């Protein structure tokens, strides 16, 4: 069995964190300075959808990185 790299574990963790933040509507996440741009552009619910889609993109990236070459 292949060893899972640290970068895959980090990507899965970031994807899970982003997915949970968008699903649970965490105030500290959406009121942060870095997320404020997306909240301003898309609105709160639009930003939640954006971050939810981004989390699935991060999961897909982790899957692709984990595959053997």
C-alpha atoms as a PDB file:
ATOM      1  CA  UNK A   1       0.000   0.000   0.000  1.00  0.00           C
ATOM      2  CA  UNK A   2       1.287   3.418  -0.948  1.00  0.00           C
ATOM      3  CA  UNK A   3       2.144   5.911   1.733  1.00  0.00           C
ATOM      4  CA  UNK A   4      -0.099   8.974   1.825  1.00  0.00           C
ATOM      5  CA  UNK A   5       1.960  12.138   1.710  1.00  0.00           C
ATOM      6  CA  UNK A   6       1.705  15.025   4.103  1.00  0.00           C
ATOM      7  CA  UNK A   7       0.494  17.306   1.310  1.00  0.00           C
ATOM      8  CA  UNK A   8      -2.537  15.048   0.733  1.00  0.00           C
ATOM      9  CA  UNK A   9      -3.401  15.085   4.437  1.00  0.00           C
ATOM     10  CA  UNK A  10      -3.117  18.891   4.511  1.00  0.00           C
ATOM     11  CA  UNK A  11      -5.327  19.236   1.418  1.00  0.00           C
ATOM     12  CA  UNK A  12      -7.973  16.966   2.933  1.00  0.00           C
ATOM     13  CA  UNK A  13      -7.864  18.942   6.183  1.00  0.00           C
ATOM     14  CA  UNK A  14      -8.223  22.276   4.392  1.00  0.00           C
ATOM     15  CA  UNK A  15     -11.062  20.910   2.261  1.00  0.00           C
ATOM     16  CA  UNK A  16     -12.864  19.561   5.309  1.00  0.00           C
ATOM     17  CA  UNK A  17     -12.418  22.842   7.196  1.00  0.00           C
ATOM     18  CA  UNK A  18     -13.775  24.833   4.247  1.00  0.00           C
ATOM     19  CA  UNK A  19     -16.693  22.461   3.737  1.00  0.00           C
ATOM     20  CA  UNK A  20     -17.661  22.593   7.412  1.00  0.00           C
ATOM     21  CA  UNK A  21     -17.364  26.386   7.475  1.00  0.00           C
ATOM     22  CA  UNK A  22     -19.679  26.747   4.490  1.00  0.00           C
ATOM     23  CA  UNK A  23     -22.184  24.156   5.720  1.00  0.00           C
ATOM     24  CA  UNK A  24     -22.326  25.398   9.317  1.00  0.00           C
ATOM     25  CA  UNK A  25     -22.205  29.117   8.367  1.00  0.00           C
ATOM     26  CA  UNK A  26     -19.434  29.906  10.845  1.00  0.00           C
ATOM     27  CA  UNK A  27     -19.376  33.635  11.643  1.00  0.00           C
ATOM     28  CA  UNK A  28     -15.661  33.780  12.400  1.00  0.00           C
ATOM     29  CA  UNK A  29     -14.923  32.298   8.987  1.00  0.00           C
ATOM     30  CA  UNK A  30     -17.141  34.594   6.922  1.00  0.00           C
ATOM     31  CA  UNK A  31     -16.375  37.714   8.935  1.00  0.00           C
ATOM     32  CA  UNK A  32     -12.633  37.276   8.506  1.00  0.00           C
ATOM     33  CA  UNK A  33     -10.692  39.762   6.432  1.00  0.00           C
ATOM     34  CA  UNK A  34      -9.786  37.194   3.781  1.00  0.00           C
ATOM     35  CA  UNK A  35     -13.373  36.020   3.195  1.00  0.00           C
ATOM     36  CA  UNK A  36     -14.835  39.537   3.265  1.00  0.00           C
ATOM     37  CA  UNK A  37     -14.151  40.050  -0.450  1.00  0.00           C
ATOM     38  CA  UNK A  38     -16.255  37.041  -1.440  1.00  0.00           C
ATOM     39  CA  UNK A  39     -19.018  37.994   0.985  1.00  0.00           C
ATOM     40  CA  UNK A  40     -19.087  41.497  -0.525  1.00  0.00           C
ATOM     41  CA  UNK A  41     -19.131  40.188  -4.110  1.00  0.00           C
ATOM     42  CA  UNK A  42     -21.487  37.199  -3.760  1.00  0.00           C
ATOM     43  CA  UNK A  43     -23.368  37.941  -0.532  1.00  0.00           C
ATOM     44  CA  UNK A  44     -23.279  35.633   2.478  1.00  0.00           C
ATOM     45  CA  UNK A  45     -25.151  32.715   0.892  1.00  0.00           C
ATOM     46  CA  UNK A  46     -23.264  33.073  -2.379  1.00  0.00           C
ATOM     47  CA  UNK A  47     -19.975  32.988  -0.498  1.00  0.00           C
ATOM     48  CA  UNK A  48     -21.141  29.844   1.297  1.00  0.00           C
ATOM     49  CA  UNK A  49     -21.859  28.202  -2.063  1.00  0.00           C
ATOM     50  CA  UNK A  50     -18.512  29.395  -3.428  1.00  0.00           C
ATOM     51  CA  UNK A  51     -16.583  27.987  -0.474  1.00  0.00           C
ATOM     52  CA  UNK A  52     -18.560  24.738  -0.625  1.00  0.00           C
ATOM     53  CA  UNK A  53     -17.630  24.317  -4.288  1.00  0.00           C
ATOM     54  CA  UNK A  54     -14.034  25.268  -3.486  1.00  0.00           C
ATOM     55  CA  UNK A  55     -13.883  22.553  -0.841  1.00  0.00           C
ATOM     56  CA  UNK A  56     -14.894  19.916  -3.397  1.00  0.00           C
ATOM     57  CA  UNK A  57     -12.224  21.252  -5.749  1.00  0.00           C
ATOM     58  CA  UNK A  58      -9.665  20.879  -2.947  1.00  0.00           C
ATOM     59  CA  UNK A  59     -10.856  17.305  -2.268  1.00  0.00           C
ATOM     60  CA  UNK A  60     -10.490  16.519  -5.983  1.00  0.00           C
ATOM     61  CA  UNK A  61      -6.983  17.986  -5.967  1.00  0.00           C
ATOM     62  CA  UNK A  62      -6.075  15.814  -2.971  1.00  0.00           C
ATOM     63  CA  UNK A  63      -7.421  12.782  -4.823  1.00  0.00           C
ATOM     64  CA  UNK A  64      -5.323  13.589  -7.891  1.00  0.00           C
ATOM     65  CA  UNK A  65      -2.193  14.174  -5.823  1.00  0.00           C
ATOM     66  CA  UNK A  66      -2.718  10.895  -3.962  1.00  0.00           C
ATOM     67  CA  UNK A  67      -2.903   8.826  -7.152  1.00  0.00           C
ATOM     68  CA  UNK A  68       0.324   7.115  -8.135  1.00  0.00           C
ATOM     69  CA  UNK A  69       1.981   8.577 -11.210  1.00  0.00           C
END
